[in-house]
Amino acid sequence: MSSTGSKTKAPAKASAPAKAAAPAKVPATTGAPPASNAKAKPSEAKVAKLARYGWHTLALGDTAAGLTALQAVVELAPERADYWSAYGIALAKGNRHIDACHALNRAVGLNPKDIDAWCVLSELLLGLHDYKNATAAFRKVLALDPGGTHPSGVRVRALIRKADKQLKADSRS
């Protein structure tokens, strides 16, 4: 006791550190992917429908809408050579020849047997005066259609005659 008659408390002992709380139990997952804000990739059927829409709008003369749709198609399905080929042909129709060459190169890179893509690419390269690469593309079409029965093979044979004629004219100048 103190002189005033009241009890004084002794200083409290330092207590042991509190135990860390046990981690909260995480519920078992169902195997479903976590929800996110990202949009899910559309089905192949929806991508194909968008590709058809792109072609139809091009056919109706709306080049901008058609190209926008086909660009979305190749972004959604970059592994599809046929979509890259369609996009490249559409770019060519829209007079975007260099972009068309890039898209068609992507198409033939994914499917080296796409004779139509090779044909359009060869014609574009010829128009861009890239005779070396045009000739390589011509040769690829000829190799894919040795009998000259495919329409693209027939077309390339006509382009070769045109190129030969131009080369002869240039050599005379």
Protein backbone atom coordinates (compact mmCIF):
# COMPACT_ATOMS: atom_id res chain seq x y z
CA MET A 1 0.00 0.00 0.00
CA SER A 2 1.04 3.49 -0.54
CA SER A 3 1.11 6.21 2.05
CA THR A 4 -2.21 7.45 0.76
CA GLY A 5 -3.77 4.17 1.55
CA SER A 6 -4.58 3.07 -1.97
CA LYS A 7 -3.12 0.13 -3.68
CA THR A 8 -0.91 0.84 -6.64
CA LYS A 9 -0.75 -1.56 -9.40
CA ALA A 10 2.50 -3.04 -10.28
CA PRO A 11 3.56 -2.38 -13.81
CA ALA A 12 2.02 -4.92 -16.16
CA LYS A 13 4.27 -7.60 -17.49
CA ALA A 14 4.98 -7.47 -21.17
CA SER A 15 2.63 -9.92 -22.70
CA ALA A 16 3.68 -12.45 -25.30
CA PRO A 17 3.05 -11.36 -28.83
CA ALA A 18 -0.40 -12.22 -30.05
CA LYS A 19 -0.62 -15.25 -32.29
CA ALA A 20 -1.12 -14.46 -35.93
CA ALA A 21 -4.60 -15.13 -37.12
CA ALA A 22 -4.97 -18.31 -39.08
CA PRO A 23 -5.33 -17.68 -42.79
CA ALA A 24 -8.88 -17.65 -44.01
CA LYS A 25 -9.90 -20.83 -45.72
CA VAL A 26 -10.18 -20.47 -49.48
CA PRO A 27 -13.23 -22.18 -50.89
CA ALA A 28 -12.54 -25.02 -53.29
CA THR A 29 -12.66 -23.96 -56.92
CA THR A 30 -15.07 -25.42 -59.39
CA GLY A 31 -12.53 -25.43 -62.22
CA ALA A 32 -14.19 -22.48 -63.91
CA PRO A 33 -11.88 -19.66 -64.93
CA PRO A 34 -11.93 -16.63 -62.69
CA ALA A 35 -14.31 -13.90 -63.70
CA SER A 36 -12.61 -11.02 -65.45
CA ASN A 37 -13.52 -7.85 -67.23
CA ALA A 38 -12.01 -9.11 -70.50
CA LYS A 39 -14.43 -10.17 -73.18
CA ALA A 40 -14.47 -13.84 -74.09
CA LYS A 41 -13.34 -14.72 -77.60
CA PRO A 42 -16.36 -15.13 -79.86
CA SER A 43 -17.15 -18.54 -81.29
CA GLU A 44 -15.82 -19.60 -84.67
CA ALA A 45 -19.36 -19.31 -86.04
CA LYS A 46 -19.57 -15.66 -84.97
CA VAL A 47 -16.16 -14.92 -86.48
CA ALA A 48 -17.24 -16.59 -89.75
CA LYS A 49 -20.44 -14.53 -89.72
CA LEU A 50 -18.38 -11.35 -89.29
CA ALA A 51 -16.17 -12.41 -92.20
CA ARG A 52 -19.24 -12.92 -94.42
CA TYR A 53 -20.53 -9.51 -93.34
CA GLY A 54 -17.20 -7.96 -94.34
CA TRP A 55 -17.35 -9.53 -97.78
CA HIS A 56 -20.97 -8.56 -98.31
CA THR A 57 -20.37 -4.94 -97.36
CA LEU A 58 -17.40 -4.83 -99.73
CA ALA A 59 -19.55 -6.27 -102.51
CA LEU A 60 -22.13 -3.57 -101.83
CA GLY A 61 -19.47 -0.90 -102.19
CA ASP A 62 -18.87 -0.01 -98.53
CA THR A 63 -15.12 -0.55 -98.52
CA ALA A 64 -14.50 1.09 -95.14
CA ALA A 65 -17.05 -1.07 -93.29
CA GLY A 66 -15.90 -4.21 -95.08
CA LEU A 67 -12.26 -3.61 -94.26
CA THR A 68 -13.10 -2.82 -90.64
CA ALA A 69 -15.03 -6.08 -90.31
CA LEU A 70 -12.30 -8.16 -91.96
CA GLN A 71 -9.61 -6.51 -89.85
CA ALA A 72 -11.57 -7.52 -86.75
CA VAL A 73 -11.80 -11.06 -88.16
CA VAL A 74 -8.01 -11.43 -88.52
CA GLU A 75 -7.52 -9.98 -85.04
CA LEU A 76 -9.96 -12.55 -83.62
CA ALA A 77 -8.57 -15.49 -85.60
CA PRO A 78 -4.96 -14.66 -86.53
CA GLU A 79 -4.19 -18.33 -87.12
CA ARG A 80 -6.62 -18.61 -90.06
CA ALA A 81 -4.90 -18.28 -93.44
CA ASP A 82 -8.20 -18.01 -95.28
CA TYR A 83 -9.18 -14.94 -93.26
CA TRP A 84 -5.79 -13.30 -93.93
CA SER A 85 -6.22 -14.06 -97.61
CA ALA A 86 -9.70 -12.51 -97.65
CA TYR A 87 -8.43 -9.47 -95.76
CA GLY A 88 -5.51 -9.07 -98.17
CA ILE A 89 -7.77 -9.28 -101.20
CA ALA A 90 -10.11 -6.73 -99.62
CA LEU A 91 -7.17 -4.40 -98.94
CA ALA A 92 -6.15 -4.74 -102.58
CA LYS A 93 -9.68 -3.84 -103.67
CA GLY A 94 -9.43 -0.79 -101.41
CA ASN A 95 -6.18 0.25 -103.17
CA ARG A 96 -4.11 -0.39 -100.05
CA HIS A 97 -1.60 -2.48 -101.97
CA ILE A 98 1.31 -2.53 -99.53
CA ASP A 99 -1.00 -3.48 -96.64
CA ALA A 100 -2.52 -6.11 -98.92
CA CYS A 101 0.92 -7.57 -99.59
CA HIS A 102 1.56 -7.84 -95.85
CA ALA A 103 -1.75 -9.60 -95.25
CA LEU A 104 -1.26 -11.95 -98.21
CA ASN A 105 2.28 -12.76 -97.07
CA ARG A 106 0.77 -13.71 -93.72
CA ALA A 107 -1.81 -15.88 -95.50
CA VAL A 108 0.77 -17.78 -97.56
CA GLY A 109 2.99 -18.09 -94.51
CA LEU A 110 0.16 -19.89 -92.74
CA ASN A 111 -0.92 -21.86 -95.81
CA PRO A 112 1.77 -22.10 -98.50
CA LYS A 113 -0.68 -23.92 -100.81
CA ASP A 114 -3.16 -21.00 -101.01
CA ILE A 115 -2.92 -20.51 -104.76
CA ASP A 116 -5.41 -17.63 -104.79
CA ALA A 117 -3.40 -15.67 -102.23
CA TRP A 118 -0.21 -16.30 -104.22
CA CYS A 119 -1.92 -15.14 -107.40
CA VAL A 120 -3.19 -11.87 -105.93
CA LEU A 121 0.16 -11.30 -104.21
CA SER A 122 2.04 -11.81 -107.49
CA GLU A 123 -0.21 -9.32 -109.27
CA LEU A 124 0.20 -6.74 -106.51
CA LEU A 125 3.97 -7.14 -106.52
CA LEU A 126 4.03 -6.76 -110.27
CA GLY A 127 2.00 -3.55 -109.96
CA LEU A 128 4.42 -2.28 -107.32
CA HIS A 129 7.32 -2.99 -109.74
CA ASP A 130 8.79 -5.55 -107.34
CA TYR A 131 9.66 -7.89 -110.19
CA LYS A 132 11.95 -10.16 -108.20
CA ASN A 133 9.30 -11.05 -105.61
CA ALA A 134 6.53 -11.04 -108.23
CA THR A 135 8.49 -13.63 -110.20
CA ALA A 136 8.94 -15.77 -107.08
CA ALA A 137 5.20 -15.59 -106.41
CA PHE A 138 4.46 -16.42 -110.07
CA ARG A 139 6.69 -19.49 -109.79
CA LYS A 140 4.88 -20.59 -106.67
CA VAL A 141 1.51 -20.42 -108.45
CA LEU A 142 2.90 -22.35 -111.41
CA ALA A 143 4.26 -25.02 -109.05
CA LEU A 144 0.87 -25.29 -107.33
CA ASP A 145 -0.96 -25.52 -110.69
CA PRO A 146 1.39 -27.20 -113.15
CA GLY A 147 -1.44 -28.09 -115.54
CA GLY A 148 -2.77 -24.55 -115.75
CA THR A 149 -6.33 -25.56 -114.91
CA HIS A 150 -6.94 -23.51 -111.76
CA PRO A 151 -8.26 -19.99 -112.48
CA SER A 152 -5.38 -18.48 -110.49
CA GLY A 153 -2.92 -20.51 -112.55
CA VAL A 154 -4.50 -19.24 -115.76
CA ARG A 155 -4.37 -15.68 -114.41
CA VAL A 156 -0.70 -15.92 -113.47
CA ARG A 157 0.20 -17.27 -116.88
CA ALA A 158 -1.44 -14.17 -118.38
CA LEU A 159 0.48 -11.95 -115.94
CA ILE A 160 3.75 -13.63 -116.91
CA ARG A 161 3.05 -12.87 -120.56
CA LYS A 162 2.32 -9.25 -119.56
CA ALA A 163 5.56 -9.04 -117.56
CA ASP A 164 7.59 -10.56 -120.38
CA LYS A 165 6.11 -8.01 -122.78
CA GLN A 166 7.02 -5.15 -120.40
CA LEU A 167 10.55 -6.46 -119.93
CA LYS A 168 11.04 -6.57 -123.70
CA ALA A 169 9.69 -3.02 -124.03
CA ASP A 170 11.98 -1.81 -121.26
CA SER A 171 15.03 -3.41 -122.85
CA ARG A 172 14.34 -1.59 -126.12
CA SER A 173 14.25 1.78 -124.37
